[in-house]
Amino acid sequence: MEIHDVRAHRSKDNLPREDQLAWKIAAVASDPVEVDAEATDMIINRIIDNASVGIASLNRGPIKSARAMANAHMRSGGATLFGLPAAHKVCAEWAAWANGTAVRELDFHDTFLAADYSHPGDNIPPVLAVAQQCGRDGKALLRGIATGYEIQVNLVKAICLHEHKIDHIAHIGPSASAAVGTLLGLDTEVIYQAVQQGLHTTVTTRQSRKGEISSWKAFAPAYAGKLAIEAVDRCMRGEGAPSPIYEGEDSVIAYILNGRTARDKGESPYEPAYHVPLPGKGEAKRAILETYTKEHSAEYQSQALIDLAFRMGKEIEGRGGFDKVKSIVLHTSHHTHYVIGTGSGDPQKMDPNASRETLDHSIMYIFAVALQDGEWHHVRSYAPERAKREDTVRLWHKISTTEDPEWTRRYHSQDPNEKAFGARVVVTFEDGSELVDELGIANAHPFGARPFGRAEYIKKFKTLTEEILDPSESARFLDLVQRLPNLSAEEVVQLNPVAPAGYLVENTAKGIF
């Protein structure tokens, strides 16, 4: 692994492209290194995981809208849509849009947290869509997905977007562009231009995950994947991009990220540097092995706390029940406190009438329901009637968060034995007694009590799809995906679970398309 120092430069510096981060990303993407067995197995797991959550969300509002838009762009020899037969094809960028929205809707696919947040599985829909449309086989698909994970994970390790109120899809634009470049075997020059376009078009604000969170939370990563495909298409035709996109005098670092912060402080915007790790030439792309899967349909920083709530809920009931609770304080990291906790200052996070998307980003709500129910369900736990239950609202409003510097330090630690995304929870009862417990990592985390393996991914798939897919269709998809390295281009087109006829509900509202 090589560490690259990346900072803003004056235009007069004329920074050589070989010294630019976008070029270095492109060089990684164009390196024809094979995907090793361990990474291959995990890529298969994540394709299964994406299909699980994508199929489970087929008839939810945003997915119906995204599918309707995609269906207005039919294409013979295009890409498939979740739930529809392989013969039903649309343009690849619109398949990425619809399938990416389906994957993201339940907030239930994989995650990686470091300097910033990410859901690296967001790279899979655009790469799969292009593979299907362009006739690429399973081996090429593997290589493309490995690149998507590699680039996104390493950008997330080094470059914090959220502190500048930029949404994390700005890391998907470059990673998905690079991934599609790998899939298609493009040269470094073309991928370099596509990575720059991918970033330039996907820099958006974090308001999509703040305040009254709407369905755009699901659409945003899919949008980045769609734009990445379009960027690659343009660059394959000989078009260029704003350059240097990261380091330019008027570009992303200088006026959006750390350079802007330095300028606001009266300091030089050309001094602050990011230290971005990337594989060297010939080095295997294994970053996917550092990522983790969700067992519960909720924001990742709530995963360990849901597991902890299951444990603590039984103890609270043994002490007289939830009405005896005076307060609950979650001592946690900066990120958890300010993004999904009371440090956010969002009154919507305490509102029983809040949207599912907002409740998904309220650790106070999540912890209350998990305490009471001892389970977490991707539908029932967010139902309006569940959120409005009076005893839940009372308990919910007794919960707050506070930042603990030690938990913040552990959140950012690069030592896997220290890294943690949980909290220490202090329950104070009306009689003054306390119950204290803590959990650093979720049970399903690679270092957790019950790490996810192939059996757990398959179980998750069957649990989420058993009331939707016919058993024979479920078996067909699972058999096919587990043979991924050996799939022909024709079989890659079949990597799409098909719902029974009549299951899909369509959005009939009239749009532009």
Protein backbone atom coordinates (compact mmCIF):
# COMPACT_ATOMS: atom_id res chain seq x y z
CA MET A 1 0.00 0.00 0.00
CA GLU A 2 1.35 3.42 -0.98
CA ILE A 3 0.41 6.67 0.78
CA HIS A 4 -0.15 9.69 -1.47
CA ASP A 5 -0.08 13.25 -0.13
CA VAL A 6 -2.84 15.23 -1.82
CA ARG A 7 -3.40 18.98 -1.48
CA ALA A 8 -4.54 22.00 -3.47
CA HIS A 9 -2.08 23.59 -5.91
CA ARG A 10 -1.90 26.95 -7.66
CA SER A 11 -2.60 26.82 -11.37
CA LYS A 12 0.89 28.10 -12.10
CA ASP A 13 2.30 24.97 -10.47
CA ASN A 14 1.08 23.00 -13.52
CA LEU A 15 0.78 19.80 -11.49
CA PRO A 16 1.67 16.82 -13.73
CA ARG A 17 -1.21 14.44 -14.20
CA GLU A 18 0.91 11.57 -12.91
CA ASP A 19 1.03 13.40 -9.56
CA GLN A 20 -2.73 13.93 -9.41
CA LEU A 21 -4.96 11.74 -7.25
CA ALA A 22 -7.38 11.07 -10.11
CA TRP A 23 -4.52 9.68 -12.21
CA LYS A 24 -3.32 7.50 -9.35
CA ILE A 25 -6.87 6.17 -8.89
CA ALA A 26 -7.03 5.48 -12.61
CA ALA A 27 -3.68 3.66 -12.48
CA VAL A 28 -5.04 1.36 -9.77
CA ALA A 29 -8.18 0.76 -11.84
CA SER A 30 -6.23 -0.07 -15.02
CA ASP A 31 -3.83 -2.43 -13.24
CA PRO A 32 -4.83 -5.95 -14.45
CA VAL A 33 -4.22 -7.63 -11.08
CA GLU A 34 -6.32 -10.72 -10.34
CA VAL A 35 -8.86 -10.82 -7.52
CA ASP A 36 -7.74 -13.29 -4.85
CA ALA A 37 -9.93 -16.05 -3.46
CA GLU A 38 -10.81 -14.34 -0.18
CA ALA A 39 -11.89 -11.11 -1.88
CA THR A 40 -13.79 -13.14 -4.48
CA ASP A 41 -15.80 -14.90 -1.80
CA MET A 42 -16.66 -11.60 -0.15
CA ILE A 43 -17.73 -10.01 -3.43
CA ILE A 44 -20.13 -12.91 -3.92
CA ASN A 45 -21.45 -12.32 -0.40
CA ARG A 46 -22.10 -8.66 -1.15
CA ILE A 47 -23.90 -9.36 -4.41
CA ILE A 48 -26.17 -11.66 -2.39
CA ASP A 49 -26.58 -8.95 0.24
CA ASN A 50 -27.46 -6.31 -2.34
CA ALA A 51 -30.03 -8.60 -3.90
CA SER A 52 -31.53 -9.30 -0.46
CA VAL A 53 -32.26 -5.68 0.36
CA GLY A 54 -33.06 -4.74 -3.22
CA ILE A 55 -35.77 -7.38 -3.59
CA ALA A 56 -37.19 -6.57 -0.14
CA SER A 57 -37.75 -2.96 -1.19
CA LEU A 58 -39.30 -3.57 -4.63
CA ASN A 59 -42.71 -2.10 -3.85
CA ARG A 60 -41.61 0.80 -1.70
CA GLY A 61 -42.34 4.28 -3.02
CA PRO A 62 -38.89 5.45 -4.18
CA ILE A 63 -38.20 2.16 -5.94
CA LYS A 64 -41.50 2.28 -7.82
CA SER A 65 -40.61 5.79 -8.98
CA ALA A 66 -37.06 4.82 -9.96
CA ARG A 67 -38.32 1.74 -11.83
CA ALA A 68 -40.92 3.79 -13.71
CA MET A 69 -38.22 6.19 -14.82
CA ALA A 70 -35.98 3.32 -15.89
CA ASN A 71 -38.80 1.65 -17.82
CA ALA A 72 -39.08 4.78 -19.93
CA HIS A 73 -35.59 3.95 -21.26
CA MET A 74 -35.97 0.42 -22.63
CA ARG A 75 -33.04 -0.96 -24.60
CA SER A 76 -32.54 -4.24 -26.40
CA GLY A 77 -29.33 -5.72 -25.02
CA GLY A 78 -29.37 -3.37 -22.03
CA ALA A 79 -29.33 -4.24 -18.33
CA THR A 80 -31.87 -5.88 -16.04
CA LEU A 81 -34.04 -4.50 -13.25
CA PHE A 82 -34.54 -6.18 -9.88
CA GLY A 83 -37.68 -8.29 -9.90
CA LEU A 84 -38.21 -8.32 -13.68
CA PRO A 85 -37.27 -11.10 -16.14
CA ALA A 86 -33.90 -10.94 -17.84
CA ALA A 87 -35.59 -10.31 -21.18
CA HIS A 88 -36.82 -6.97 -19.79
CA LYS A 89 -33.89 -4.60 -20.33
CA VAL A 90 -33.26 -0.90 -19.97
CA CYS A 91 -30.28 1.37 -20.60
CA ALA A 92 -27.46 0.56 -18.19
CA GLU A 93 -27.40 3.95 -16.50
CA TRP A 94 -31.12 3.70 -15.75
CA ALA A 95 -30.75 0.14 -14.45
CA ALA A 96 -28.06 1.45 -12.11
CA TRP A 97 -30.47 4.20 -11.05
CA ALA A 98 -33.39 1.86 -10.28
CA ASN A 99 -31.37 -0.99 -8.76
CA GLY A 100 -29.12 1.35 -6.81
CA THR A 101 -32.17 3.01 -5.26
CA ALA A 102 -33.59 -0.38 -4.32
CA VAL A 103 -30.32 -1.41 -2.67
CA ARG A 104 -30.09 1.82 -0.68
CA GLU A 105 -33.73 2.25 0.35
CA LEU A 106 -33.75 0.13 3.52
CA ASP A 107 -30.33 1.30 4.71
CA PHE A 108 -29.51 -2.38 5.11
CA HIS A 109 -26.46 -3.14 2.93
CA ASP A 110 -22.77 -2.95 3.75
CA THR A 111 -20.82 -0.11 5.34
CA PHE A 112 -17.34 1.21 5.92
CA LEU A 113 -16.60 3.97 8.42
CA ALA A 114 -13.34 5.85 8.85
CA ALA A 115 -12.65 9.54 8.18
CA ASP A 116 -16.03 9.55 6.44
CA TYR A 117 -19.08 7.34 6.00
CA SER A 118 -19.75 5.01 3.12
CA HIS A 119 -21.79 2.16 1.75
CA PRO A 120 -19.35 0.53 -0.70
CA GLY A 121 -22.04 -1.86 -1.96
CA ASP A 122 -23.43 1.17 -3.81
CA ASN A 123 -20.73 0.44 -6.41
CA ILE A 124 -22.25 -2.91 -7.38
CA PRO A 125 -25.40 -1.77 -9.29
CA PRO A 126 -23.60 0.44 -11.84
CA VAL A 127 -20.84 -2.12 -12.44
CA LEU A 128 -23.32 -4.97 -12.84
CA ALA A 129 -25.51 -2.92 -15.17
CA VAL A 130 -22.61 -2.06 -17.48
CA ALA A 131 -21.39 -5.67 -17.38
CA GLN A 132 -24.81 -6.84 -18.56
CA GLN A 133 -25.13 -4.24 -21.30
CA CYS A 134 -21.56 -4.62 -22.57
CA GLY A 135 -21.44 -8.41 -22.43
CA ARG A 136 -18.78 -8.88 -19.77
CA ASP A 137 -18.29 -12.18 -17.95
CA GLY A 138 -18.16 -13.01 -14.26
CA LYS A 139 -14.39 -12.60 -14.02
CA ALA A 140 -14.55 -9.07 -15.43
CA LEU A 141 -17.43 -8.26 -13.09
CA LEU A 142 -15.36 -9.43 -10.12
CA ARG A 143 -12.46 -7.19 -11.11
CA GLY A 144 -14.73 -4.17 -11.55
CA ILE A 145 -16.41 -4.59 -8.18
CA ALA A 146 -13.05 -5.13 -6.46
CA THR A 147 -11.88 -1.78 -7.85
CA GLY A 148 -15.04 0.01 -6.72
CA TYR A 149 -14.55 -1.18 -3.15
CA GLU A 150 -10.81 -0.49 -3.21
CA ILE A 151 -11.14 3.11 -4.33
CA GLN A 152 -14.09 4.02 -2.15
CA VAL A 153 -12.69 2.46 1.03
CA ASN A 154 -9.34 4.20 0.63
CA LEU A 155 -10.92 7.57 -0.15
CA VAL A 156 -13.09 7.16 2.95
CA LYS A 157 -10.01 6.39 5.06
CA ALA A 158 -8.35 9.64 4.07
CA ILE A 159 -10.83 12.32 3.01
CA CYS A 160 -13.58 13.49 5.33
CA LEU A 161 -16.49 14.98 3.42
CA HIS A 162 -19.10 15.37 6.12
CA GLU A 163 -17.11 17.88 8.17
CA HIS A 164 -17.49 20.20 5.19
CA LYS A 165 -21.20 19.24 4.85
CA ILE A 166 -20.59 17.33 1.63
CA ASP A 167 -22.52 14.09 1.11
CA HIS A 168 -20.59 10.83 0.90
CA ILE A 169 -21.77 10.17 -2.67
CA ALA A 170 -18.82 12.38 -3.70
CA HIS A 171 -16.65 9.31 -3.07
CA ILE A 172 -18.96 7.07 -5.13
CA GLY A 173 -18.60 9.17 -8.28
CA PRO A 174 -14.85 8.45 -8.57
CA SER A 175 -15.02 4.88 -7.23
CA ALA A 176 -17.85 3.79 -9.55
CA SER A 177 -16.21 5.50 -12.53
CA ALA A 178 -12.97 3.66 -11.78
CA ALA A 179 -14.86 0.39 -11.27
CA VAL A 180 -16.59 0.61 -14.63
CA GLY A 181 -13.23 1.43 -16.20
CA THR A 182 -11.73 -1.75 -14.74
CA LEU A 183 -14.71 -3.82 -15.87
CA LEU A 184 -14.31 -2.61 -19.46
CA GLY A 185 -10.51 -2.84 -19.48
CA LEU A 186 -10.08 0.84 -20.31
CA ASP A 187 -6.68 2.51 -20.31
CA THR A 188 -5.47 4.85 -17.60
CA GLU A 189 -6.12 8.02 -19.62
CA VAL A 190 -9.80 7.32 -20.18
CA ILE A 191 -10.38 6.26 -16.57
CA TYR A 192 -8.51 9.36 -15.37
CA GLN A 193 -10.91 11.64 -17.23
CA ALA A 194 -13.94 9.62 -16.07
CA VAL A 195 -12.87 9.72 -12.41
CA GLN A 196 -12.61 13.51 -12.63
CA GLN A 197 -16.01 13.83 -14.25
CA GLY A 198 -17.43 11.39 -11.70
CA LEU A 199 -16.26 13.55 -8.82
CA HIS A 200 -17.16 16.86 -10.45
CA THR A 201 -20.78 15.84 -10.98
CA THR A 202 -21.40 14.22 -7.60
CA VAL A 203 -20.33 16.88 -5.10
CA THR A 204 -23.57 17.55 -3.21
CA THR A 205 -24.48 18.71 0.29
CA ARG A 206 -25.33 16.58 3.31
CA GLN A 207 -28.77 18.12 3.62
CA SER A 208 -30.02 14.86 2.13
CA ARG A 209 -29.24 13.28 5.52
CA LYS A 210 -30.17 16.22 7.73
CA GLY A 211 -33.42 17.72 8.95
CA GLU A 212 -36.53 16.24 7.33
CA ILE A 213 -34.84 13.36 5.52
CA SER A 214 -36.69 12.46 2.33
CA SER A 215 -36.55 9.69 -0.25
CA TRP A 216 -33.50 11.38 -1.78
CA LYS A 217 -31.47 9.55 0.85
CA ALA A 218 -32.09 6.38 -1.21
CA PHE A 219 -31.81 8.06 -4.59
CA ALA A 220 -28.51 9.86 -3.93
CA PRO A 221 -26.05 6.93 -4.24
CA ALA A 222 -27.93 5.59 -7.26
CA TYR A 223 -27.64 9.02 -8.82
CA ALA A 224 -23.88 8.91 -8.32
CA GLY A 225 -23.70 5.47 -9.95
CA LYS A 226 -25.77 6.68 -12.90
CA LEU A 227 -23.56 9.73 -13.36
CA ALA A 228 -20.44 7.54 -13.19
CA ILE A 229 -21.68 5.42 -16.10
CA GLU A 230 -22.44 8.54 -18.10
CA ALA A 231 -18.99 9.94 -17.29
CA VAL A 232 -17.26 6.80 -18.55
CA ASP A 233 -19.37 6.83 -21.71
CA ARG A 234 -18.38 10.42 -22.50
CA CYS A 235 -14.72 9.81 -21.82
CA MET A 236 -14.69 6.67 -23.98
CA ARG A 237 -15.82 8.97 -26.79
CA GLY A 238 -12.80 11.20 -26.25
CA GLU A 239 -14.21 13.86 -23.93
CA GLY A 240 -12.31 15.31 -21.00
CA ALA A 241 -12.99 16.65 -17.52
CA PRO A 242 -12.20 19.55 -15.19
CA SER A 243 -8.59 18.98 -14.19
CA PRO A 244 -6.99 18.64 -11.73
CA ILE A 245 -10.28 17.88 -10.04
CA TYR A 246 -8.95 17.31 -6.53
CA GLU A 247 -5.93 19.61 -6.50
CA GLY A 248 -6.95 22.50 -8.74
CA GLU A 249 -6.79 26.11 -7.57
CA ASP A 250 -10.57 26.47 -7.87
CA SER A 251 -11.48 22.83 -7.35
CA VAL A 252 -12.65 20.41 -4.69
CA ILE A 253 -9.94 20.55 -2.03
CA ALA A 254 -9.28 24.28 -2.42
CA TYR A 255 -12.86 25.53 -2.26
CA ILE A 256 -14.96 22.72 -0.80
CA LEU A 257 -12.81 20.67 1.58
CA ASN A 258 -9.77 21.45 3.77
CA GLY A 259 -8.48 24.27 1.58
CA ARG A 260 -11.68 26.20 2.12
CA THR A 261 -11.52 25.63 5.88
CA ALA A 262 -7.95 26.91 5.95
CA ARG A 263 -8.92 29.95 3.87
CA ASP A 264 -11.78 30.74 6.28
CA LYS A 265 -9.22 30.74 9.10
CA GLY A 266 -6.97 33.14 7.21
CA GLU A 267 -4.48 30.36 6.49
CA SER A 268 -3.05 29.14 3.22
CA PRO A 269 -5.44 26.81 1.36
CA TYR A 270 -2.44 25.09 -0.24
CA GLU A 271 -0.96 23.62 2.91
CA PRO A 272 -3.49 21.11 4.37
CA ALA A 273 -2.86 17.67 2.90
CA TYR A 274 -4.81 14.44 2.73
CA HIS A 275 -2.90 11.17 2.94
CA VAL A 276 -4.62 8.71 0.63
CA PRO A 277 -3.62 5.03 0.66
CA LEU A 278 -3.80 3.14 -2.64
CA PRO A 279 -2.46 -0.26 -3.72
CA GLY A 280 0.83 -0.27 -5.58
CA LYS A 281 1.20 -1.77 -9.06
CA GLY A 282 0.50 -5.50 -8.96
CA GLU A 283 -0.93 -5.34 -5.43
CA ALA A 284 -4.20 -7.21 -4.90
CA LYS A 285 -7.37 -5.21 -4.27
CA ARG A 286 -8.59 -6.47 -0.89
CA ALA A 287 -10.32 -3.44 0.66
CA ILE A 288 -13.70 -5.17 0.57
CA LEU A 289 -12.44 -7.39 3.40
CA GLU A 290 -12.26 -4.33 5.67
CA THR A 291 -15.96 -3.52 5.23
CA TYR A 292 -18.87 -4.83 7.26
CA THR A 293 -22.44 -5.93 6.77
CA LYS A 294 -25.57 -4.87 8.60
CA GLU A 295 -27.62 -7.38 10.53
CA HIS A 296 -30.25 -4.73 11.28
CA SER A 297 -32.00 -2.34 8.92
CA ALA A 298 -30.70 0.90 10.41
CA GLU A 299 -27.82 3.37 10.15
CA TYR A 300 -24.55 1.53 10.84
CA GLN A 301 -23.66 3.44 13.97
CA SER A 302 -26.80 1.98 15.53
CA GLN A 303 -25.89 -1.67 14.84
CA ALA A 304 -23.94 -2.32 18.05
CA LEU A 305 -26.44 -0.26 20.03
CA ILE A 306 -29.34 -2.37 18.76
CA ASP A 307 -27.50 -5.50 19.90
CA LEU A 308 -26.81 -3.82 23.25
CA ALA A 309 -30.44 -2.74 23.59
CA PHE A 310 -31.60 -6.33 23.23
CA ARG A 311 -29.43 -7.21 26.20
CA MET A 312 -30.26 -4.19 28.34
CA GLY A 313 -33.99 -4.30 27.66
CA LYS A 314 -34.32 -7.59 29.53
CA GLU A 315 -32.44 -6.14 32.50
CA ILE A 316 -34.62 -3.03 32.60
CA GLU A 317 -37.75 -5.17 32.58
CA GLY A 318 -36.29 -7.13 35.48
CA ARG A 319 -35.97 -3.87 37.45
CA GLY A 320 -39.60 -2.91 37.15
CA GLY A 321 -39.97 -1.98 33.51
CA PHE A 322 -39.46 1.04 31.27
CA ASP A 323 -41.76 3.37 33.20
CA LYS A 324 -39.22 3.23 36.05
CA VAL A 325 -36.55 4.77 33.80
CA LYS A 326 -35.71 8.41 34.50
CA SER A 327 -33.10 8.91 31.76
CA ILE A 328 -30.85 7.06 29.32
CA VAL A 329 -27.59 8.61 28.15
CA LEU A 330 -25.52 7.13 25.33
CA HIS A 331 -21.86 8.08 25.76
CA THR A 332 -20.58 7.73 22.23
CA SER A 333 -18.43 9.07 19.39
CA HIS A 334 -18.55 12.50 17.80
CA HIS A 335 -20.07 11.04 14.64
CA THR A 336 -22.85 9.18 16.40
CA HIS A 337 -23.69 12.11 18.67
CA TYR A 338 -23.81 14.72 15.91
CA VAL A 339 -25.23 12.68 13.02
CA ILE A 340 -27.87 10.41 14.56
CA GLY A 341 -27.92 11.65 18.16
CA THR A 342 -29.18 14.68 20.06
CA GLY A 343 -26.04 16.59 19.06
CA SER A 344 -27.56 16.97 15.59
CA GLY A 345 -30.02 19.53 16.89
CA ASP A 346 -32.74 18.00 14.70
CA PRO A 347 -36.13 18.10 16.43
CA GLN A 348 -37.36 15.68 13.74
CA LYS A 349 -35.30 12.94 15.38
CA MET A 350 -37.68 13.07 18.35
CA ASP A 351 -40.87 13.42 16.30
CA PRO A 352 -43.32 10.45 16.24
CA ASN A 353 -44.56 11.72 12.86
CA ALA A 354 -41.10 11.68 11.30
CA SER A 355 -40.39 9.83 8.05
CA ARG A 356 -38.87 6.37 8.02
CA GLU A 357 -35.67 7.91 6.69
CA THR A 358 -35.49 10.29 9.65
CA LEU A 359 -36.26 7.56 12.20
CA ASP A 360 -33.49 5.49 10.65
CA HIS A 361 -31.17 8.37 11.57
CA SER A 362 -32.42 8.76 15.16
CA ILE A 363 -30.48 6.60 17.59
CA MET A 364 -32.87 7.73 20.31
CA TYR A 365 -35.84 6.19 18.51
CA ILE A 366 -33.92 3.10 17.46
CA PHE A 367 -32.61 2.40 20.95
CA ALA A 368 -36.06 2.85 22.51
CA VAL A 369 -37.77 0.42 20.13
CA ALA A 370 -34.96 -2.13 20.35
CA LEU A 371 -35.14 -1.98 24.16
CA GLN A 372 -38.86 -2.59 24.18
CA ASP A 373 -39.17 -5.15 21.38
CA GLY A 374 -35.97 -7.15 21.72
CA GLU A 375 -35.88 -7.39 17.94
CA TRP A 376 -35.42 -5.17 14.90
CA HIS A 377 -37.48 -5.54 11.73
CA HIS A 378 -36.98 -3.60 8.50
CA VAL A 379 -40.71 -2.85 8.24
CA ARG A 380 -42.42 -3.30 11.63
CA SER A 381 -39.83 -1.29 13.58
CA TYR A 382 -40.48 1.80 11.45
CA ALA A 383 -44.25 1.53 11.05
CA PRO A 384 -46.11 4.79 11.85
CA GLU A 385 -48.19 3.04 14.49
CA ARG A 386 -44.98 1.76 16.09
CA ALA A 387 -43.40 5.20 16.20
CA LYS A 388 -46.51 6.78 17.71
CA ARG A 389 -46.99 4.27 20.53
CA GLU A 390 -47.32 6.35 23.69
CA ASP A 391 -45.05 4.25 25.91
CA THR A 392 -42.40 4.29 23.20
CA VAL A 393 -42.59 8.06 22.82
CA ARG A 394 -42.20 8.49 26.59
CA LEU A 395 -39.11 6.27 26.65
CA TRP A 396 -37.71 7.75 23.44
CA HIS A 397 -37.83 11.26 24.87
CA LYS A 398 -35.82 10.17 27.91
CA ILE A 399 -32.86 9.19 25.71
CA SER A 400 -29.99 11.51 24.82
CA THR A 401 -26.43 11.25 23.54
CA THR A 402 -23.18 12.89 24.55
CA GLU A 403 -19.77 12.77 22.97
CA ASP A 404 -17.11 10.81 24.83
CA PRO A 405 -13.58 11.57 23.52
CA GLU A 406 -12.50 7.97 24.08
CA TRP A 407 -15.28 6.64 21.88
CA THR A 408 -14.40 9.24 19.24
CA ARG A 409 -10.77 8.11 19.39
CA ARG A 410 -11.78 4.47 19.02
CA TYR A 411 -14.09 5.34 16.12
CA HIS A 412 -11.12 6.73 14.18
CA SER A 413 -8.52 4.20 15.34
CA GLN A 414 -6.79 2.23 12.58
CA ASP A 415 -6.21 -0.63 15.00
CA PRO A 416 -8.95 -3.20 14.31
CA ASN A 417 -8.74 -4.36 17.93
CA GLU A 418 -9.65 -0.85 19.14
CA LYS A 419 -11.99 0.43 16.44
CA ALA A 420 -15.54 0.80 17.75
CA PHE A 421 -18.90 2.20 16.66
CA GLY A 422 -20.97 1.67 19.77
CA ALA A 423 -21.36 3.39 23.12
CA ARG A 424 -21.43 3.13 26.89
CA VAL A 425 -25.04 3.40 28.02
CA VAL A 426 -26.08 4.73 31.43
CA VAL A 427 -29.68 4.05 32.45
CA THR A 428 -30.79 6.02 35.50
CA PHE A 429 -33.93 4.85 37.29
CA GLU A 430 -36.41 6.96 39.26
CA ASP A 431 -34.97 5.61 42.52
CA GLY A 432 -31.48 6.88 41.60
CA SER A 433 -29.98 3.49 40.80
CA GLU A 434 -28.14 2.91 37.54
CA LEU A 435 -27.64 0.24 34.94
CA VAL A 436 -24.46 0.62 32.89
CA ASP A 437 -23.36 -1.47 29.92
CA GLU A 438 -21.41 -0.99 26.70
CA LEU A 439 -20.72 -2.60 23.34
CA GLY A 440 -18.10 -1.45 20.86
CA ILE A 441 -18.86 -3.44 17.73
CA ALA A 442 -21.94 -5.15 16.37
CA ASN A 443 -22.33 -8.90 16.70
CA ALA A 444 -22.22 -9.27 12.89
CA HIS A 445 -18.98 -7.28 12.52
CA PRO A 446 -15.91 -9.29 11.36
CA PHE A 447 -14.56 -8.96 14.91
CA GLY A 448 -17.95 -9.26 16.59
CA ALA A 449 -19.60 -12.05 18.56
CA ARG A 450 -21.26 -13.58 15.47
CA PRO A 451 -19.40 -12.50 12.32
CA PHE A 452 -21.30 -12.84 9.06
CA GLY A 453 -20.17 -15.63 6.73
CA ARG A 454 -21.73 -17.13 3.59
CA ALA A 455 -24.38 -18.95 5.61
CA GLU A 456 -25.48 -15.69 7.28
CA TYR A 457 -25.66 -13.85 3.94
CA ILE A 458 -27.81 -16.61 2.51
CA LYS A 459 -30.01 -16.59 5.61
CA LYS A 460 -30.45 -12.82 5.30
CA PHE A 461 -31.35 -13.25 1.63
CA LYS A 462 -33.94 -15.91 2.36
CA THR A 463 -35.39 -14.00 5.33
CA LEU A 464 -35.88 -10.82 3.30
CA THR A 465 -37.14 -12.50 0.14
CA GLU A 466 -39.01 -15.63 1.27
CA GLU A 467 -42.40 -13.92 1.05
CA ILE A 468 -41.56 -12.50 -2.37
CA LEU A 469 -39.55 -14.99 -4.43
CA ASP A 470 -40.57 -18.49 -5.38
CA PRO A 471 -38.24 -21.04 -3.71
CA SER A 472 -37.03 -22.22 -7.13
CA GLU A 473 -36.11 -18.68 -8.14
CA SER A 474 -34.28 -18.10 -4.89
CA ALA A 475 -32.32 -21.34 -5.40
CA ARG A 476 -31.53 -20.42 -9.02
CA PHE A 477 -30.08 -17.04 -8.10
CA LEU A 478 -28.06 -18.35 -5.15
CA ASP A 479 -26.57 -21.16 -7.24
CA LEU A 480 -25.66 -18.76 -10.04
CA VAL A 481 -24.04 -16.06 -7.93
CA GLN A 482 -21.89 -18.55 -6.05
CA ARG A 483 -20.32 -19.55 -9.39
CA LEU A 484 -19.47 -15.93 -10.21
CA PRO A 485 -15.82 -16.30 -11.34
CA ASN A 486 -16.86 -18.84 -13.97
CA LEU A 487 -20.00 -17.16 -15.29
CA SER A 488 -20.32 -16.41 -18.98
CA ALA A 489 -21.55 -13.03 -20.18
CA GLU A 490 -24.95 -14.61 -20.83
CA GLU A 491 -25.09 -15.89 -17.25
CA VAL A 492 -24.13 -12.47 -15.83
CA VAL A 493 -27.35 -11.16 -17.39
CA GLN A 494 -29.21 -13.70 -15.24
CA LEU A 495 -27.80 -12.26 -11.97
CA ASN A 496 -31.16 -10.79 -11.14
CA PRO A 497 -33.81 -12.38 -8.87
CA VAL A 498 -37.18 -12.36 -10.62
CA ALA A 499 -40.38 -11.73 -8.66
CA PRO A 500 -43.54 -13.71 -9.47
CA ALA A 501 -45.83 -12.29 -12.12
CA GLY A 502 -48.18 -9.71 -10.63
CA TYR A 503 -46.06 -8.98 -7.55
CA LEU A 504 -44.63 -5.65 -8.65
CA VAL A 505 -46.71 -2.57 -8.00
CA GLU A 506 -46.06 0.24 -10.42
CA ASN A 507 -46.05 4.00 -9.96
CA THR A 508 -48.58 5.25 -12.50
CA ALA A 509 -48.04 8.95 -11.83
CA LYS A 510 -47.11 10.89 -14.96
CA GLY A 511 -43.61 12.28 -15.21
CA ILE A 512 -41.60 13.76 -18.05
CA PHE A 513 -40.29 10.51 -19.51
